[in-house]
């Protein structure tokens, strides 16, 4: 649903317990700065994927509309509405 603000989480366990344990060992061995850099890169990738999905669903959407819908997906409708008040002339369907 476009712009629903709903978050969906599906637990997928495709990693063996040994591999998962090793991953966390490697992560724990990194400095706090390195762990922060990894988290920032992952956040940027999530943001890029969400924006790409919006552009695929609405290829003619304005930049403002894409940014508003991205804010809706990442932070929820209340925050998106505060950041990007809907103007009557360019209102976007909310999917409700």
Foldseek 3Di string as FASTA:
>chain_A
DQLQLDDDDDDDDPDDPVRVVVVVVVLVPDDPVVNVVVVVVVVVVVLVVQLVVVCVVPVPDDPLVSVLRSCCNPPNNVVSCVVRPDDVVDDDDNVD
